[in-house]
Amino acid sequence: MPAAPAAQAAPRGSKSGGDVSGTDSEAGAPPPDGFSIGHWTNAEGATGCTAVIPPAGSRGGVDVRGGGPGTRETDVIGPFAGTSEATAVALCGGSAFGLAAADGVVRWLEETGHGYETPAGLVPIVPAAVVYDLAEGDASARPDAAAGYAACEAAADGVPERGRVGAGTGAAVGKIRGREHSTPAGIGYAVARSGAGETVAALAVVNAFGDVIGDDGMVLAGPRSEDEETVSTAGIIAAMKGPPDWTRLEERNTTLVCVMTDATLDKAACARVARMASGGVARAVDPVFSDVDGDVVFCLSSGNGETERFTPISIGTIAATVTAAAIRDSVRSQA
């Protein structure tokens, strides 16, 4: 399979996602056929949630890194669990409280006939992960089951809405000097196609402790100095003679990613692609996977048939590229 062209995030100021190879960079390219994405946003409370709904029978995998993840049902799509399907993925603000939004996603899926088939009926499998945004707005405003249900009701195909919406409503990056000196982030999106025509898309919720790094290696978004200049978190840490003032440093941070593809991947291959996509997080966030981050990457595959041996390598390589592009898009979409 030939190498895919490099994924590109949307142009600064555009509200479309990343694209490659012949697609209109302003209109963007959608996720694979059958995938829908919806947001519930509480702009006043600076929180929200996002539902990613793949076609029926899609497989899922996950890669969890960092010292502080907040998750639900990630074990069930892990490599040692028996269930291979994932009915949806819920990405939520609200810290641990926000995991309640997954209940609403489950209810909507049950009502609409989606789920893992069991002798007693369909059981939706909804892995979920959260970001900590309680310090951004109203700490009592948290996504709940009604919010998760509403995100599903809003789900649509096509290029998803990006920026400070859904789970990215209260997101920020570069928090070593405190959230008041951080840079707003949100939800980013990017997509690419393999030489064989397979689509690989990534949706990222970027609420990192570290900086977002451009493809030129420079800080794209990070902490701001007293003069409102962007500075480097890694540079600040390297120059420190002792530990920081922990009362000012934001300890609760996360980057969440959901990779979507129509390539044929079994459950184990989805897990390996998610692991490779975590490499894209490391390209675009620095520092990354730290004790004060809880980074999670999901991979959903809708392709049918047998998994060819090279497919996870090809799709994982592209997934890392679109993951990095989606993370950069999350801050460019704020402009």
Foldseek 3Di string as FASTA:
>chain_A
DDAWDFWAAAFFQAFFGIEDDPDDSRQYWWFPPAWWKFWQFDLQQLWIKMKIAHPAPKFKAKDKFAADWAKDLNVCLYPPHDDGDAGMEMETELGNQQVQLVLLLQVLCVVVQGADQDPVGGGHRYMYTYAYQLVQHPNVDTHHNVRSNVRVVGIDTGGDGAELTHRQVRAWEAAQQAPVQTARFGKFKIWIAGPVGKIKMKIKRFRYDFFFADPVRHGPTHGADPVRDHDGPVVVVVPDPDDDDVVGGQLTTEMEMEMEIQADDTSVLQNLLQVLLVLLVVSTGPPPSYNSYIYMYMYIYNHDDDHDPCVSVSNSVSSSSNSSNRRSNRRSNVD
